[in-house]
Amino acid sequence: MGESIYPLYWEWLPNSGEELRDYPLYFQYLNLLPDIAEADLVTDIYLPLK
């Protein structure tokens, strides 16, 4: 997940003009192992903004 999260903080956020809320980042897992192959896993990443 690090390859997905860190660019949000280091690249996108500073250039977006957005501000973080005082709330942690969280994930919504749309499918789970072992029901689906690892290559087909899908996760939404929520970065709470003001």
N, C-alpha and C. Protein backbone atom coordinates (compact mmCIF):
# COMPACT_ATOMS: atom_id res chain seq x y z
N MET A 1 0.82 -1.20 0.00
CA MET A 1 0.00 0.00 0.00
C MET A 1 0.86 1.26 0.00
N GLY A 2 2.09 1.16 0.44
CA GLY A 2 2.95 2.34 0.50
C GLY A 2 3.11 3.04 -0.83
N GLU A 3 3.15 2.26 -1.90
CA GLU A 3 3.29 2.88 -3.22
C GLU A 3 2.07 3.71 -3.58
N SER A 4 0.94 3.45 -2.94
CA SER A 4 -0.29 4.19 -3.21
C SER A 4 -0.46 5.37 -2.28
N ILE A 5 -0.05 5.22 -1.04
CA ILE A 5 -0.30 6.23 -0.02
C ILE A 5 0.68 7.39 -0.08
N TYR A 6 1.96 7.09 -0.12
CA TYR A 6 2.97 8.14 -0.01
C TYR A 6 2.88 9.18 -1.13
N PRO A 7 2.63 8.80 -2.38
CA PRO A 7 2.47 9.83 -3.42
C PRO A 7 1.30 10.79 -3.14
N LEU A 8 0.27 10.31 -2.44
CA LEU A 8 -0.83 11.22 -2.08
C LEU A 8 -0.33 12.34 -1.19
N TYR A 9 0.50 12.01 -0.21
CA TYR A 9 1.01 13.00 0.74
C TYR A 9 2.15 13.83 0.15
N TRP A 10 3.05 13.18 -0.59
CA TRP A 10 4.28 13.86 -1.02
C TRP A 10 4.13 14.58 -2.35
N GLU A 11 3.25 14.10 -3.21
CA GLU A 11 3.13 14.69 -4.54
C GLU A 11 1.78 15.40 -4.75
N TRP A 12 0.70 14.65 -4.58
CA TRP A 12 -0.61 15.21 -4.89
C TRP A 12 -1.01 16.32 -3.92
N LEU A 13 -0.95 16.07 -2.63
CA LEU A 13 -1.44 17.03 -1.63
C LEU A 13 -0.76 18.39 -1.71
N PRO A 14 0.57 18.48 -1.76
CA PRO A 14 1.20 19.80 -1.82
C PRO A 14 0.82 20.61 -3.07
N ASN A 15 0.49 19.92 -4.15
CA ASN A 15 0.15 20.60 -5.41
C ASN A 15 -1.34 20.79 -5.62
N SER A 16 -2.15 20.26 -4.71
CA SER A 16 -3.60 20.26 -4.90
C SER A 16 -4.30 21.51 -4.39
N GLY A 17 -3.68 22.20 -3.42
CA GLY A 17 -4.35 23.32 -2.77
C GLY A 17 -5.31 22.86 -1.68
N GLU A 18 -5.40 21.57 -1.43
CA GLU A 18 -6.28 21.01 -0.40
C GLU A 18 -5.55 20.97 0.94
N GLU A 19 -6.32 20.85 2.03
CA GLU A 19 -5.77 20.70 3.38
C GLU A 19 -6.33 19.45 4.01
N LEU A 20 -5.49 18.78 4.80
CA LEU A 20 -5.94 17.59 5.51
C LEU A 20 -6.83 17.96 6.69
N ARG A 21 -7.83 17.14 6.94
CA ARG A 21 -8.61 17.24 8.17
C ARG A 21 -7.87 16.52 9.28
N ASP A 22 -8.26 16.74 10.50
CA ASP A 22 -7.68 16.04 11.64
C ASP A 22 -8.40 14.70 11.79
N TYR A 23 -8.15 13.82 10.84
CA TYR A 23 -8.79 12.51 10.80
C TYR A 23 -7.85 11.60 9.99
N PRO A 24 -7.71 10.34 10.38
CA PRO A 24 -6.74 9.49 9.69
C PRO A 24 -7.21 9.05 8.31
N LEU A 25 -6.25 8.76 7.49
CA LEU A 25 -6.50 8.12 6.21
C LEU A 25 -7.14 6.76 6.48
N TYR A 26 -8.04 6.32 5.61
CA TYR A 26 -8.62 4.99 5.81
C TYR A 26 -8.87 4.31 4.48
N PHE A 27 -9.07 3.00 4.55
CA PHE A 27 -9.22 2.15 3.37
C PHE A 27 -10.59 1.49 3.37
N GLN A 28 -11.13 1.30 2.18
CA GLN A 28 -12.33 0.49 2.01
C GLN A 28 -11.94 -0.65 1.07
N TYR A 29 -11.93 -1.86 1.61
CA TYR A 29 -11.57 -3.03 0.83
C TYR A 29 -12.82 -3.50 0.09
N LEU A 30 -12.78 -3.45 -1.24
CA LEU A 30 -13.94 -3.78 -2.05
C LEU A 30 -14.07 -5.27 -2.33
N ASN A 31 -12.98 -6.00 -2.19
CA ASN A 31 -13.01 -7.45 -2.26
C ASN A 31 -11.86 -7.97 -1.40
N LEU A 32 -11.93 -9.22 -1.01
CA LEU A 32 -10.97 -9.75 -0.05
C LEU A 32 -10.44 -11.11 -0.46
N LEU A 33 -9.21 -11.40 0.01
CA LEU A 33 -8.67 -12.75 -0.10
C LEU A 33 -9.46 -13.65 0.83
N PRO A 34 -9.64 -14.89 0.67
CA PRO A 34 -9.21 -15.73 -0.44
C PRO A 34 -10.25 -15.80 -1.57
N ASP A 35 -11.27 -14.97 -1.51
CA ASP A 35 -12.34 -15.05 -2.51
C ASP A 35 -11.90 -14.58 -3.89
N ILE A 36 -10.80 -13.87 -3.95
CA ILE A 36 -10.37 -13.27 -5.22
C ILE A 36 -8.84 -13.35 -5.31
N ALA A 37 -8.33 -13.43 -6.50
CA ALA A 37 -6.88 -13.49 -6.70
C ALA A 37 -6.24 -12.18 -6.24
N GLU A 38 -5.02 -12.28 -5.72
CA GLU A 38 -4.33 -11.10 -5.19
C GLU A 38 -4.20 -10.00 -6.25
N ALA A 39 -3.97 -10.36 -7.48
CA ALA A 39 -3.82 -9.38 -8.56
C ALA A 39 -5.12 -8.64 -8.86
N ASP A 40 -6.26 -9.17 -8.41
CA ASP A 40 -7.56 -8.57 -8.69
C ASP A 40 -8.14 -7.81 -7.50
N LEU A 41 -7.37 -7.68 -6.40
CA LEU A 41 -7.85 -6.96 -5.23
C LEU A 41 -8.05 -5.48 -5.55
N VAL A 42 -9.11 -4.89 -5.01
CA VAL A 42 -9.42 -3.48 -5.22
C VAL A 42 -9.66 -2.83 -3.86
N THR A 43 -8.99 -1.71 -3.62
CA THR A 43 -9.11 -0.98 -2.36
C THR A 43 -9.24 0.50 -2.66
N ASP A 44 -10.26 1.15 -2.10
CA ASP A 44 -10.38 2.60 -2.19
C ASP A 44 -9.63 3.22 -1.02
N ILE A 45 -8.88 4.29 -1.29
CA ILE A 45 -8.12 5.00 -0.26
C ILE A 45 -8.78 6.34 -0.06
N TYR A 46 -9.17 6.64 1.18
CA TYR A 46 -9.83 7.90 1.51
C TYR A 46 -8.88 8.79 2.30
N LEU A 47 -8.63 9.96 1.76
CA LEU A 47 -7.77 10.95 2.40
C LEU A 47 -8.69 12.10 2.82
N PRO A 48 -9.07 12.16 4.12
CA PRO A 48 -10.01 13.18 4.57
C PRO A 48 -9.46 14.60 4.41
N LEU A 49 -10.21 15.41 3.72
CA LEU A 49 -9.82 16.79 3.44
C LEU A 49 -10.78 17.75 4.10
N LYS A 50 -10.32 18.99 4.30
CA LYS A 50 -11.19 20.03 4.86
C LYS A 50 -12.15 20.50 3.81
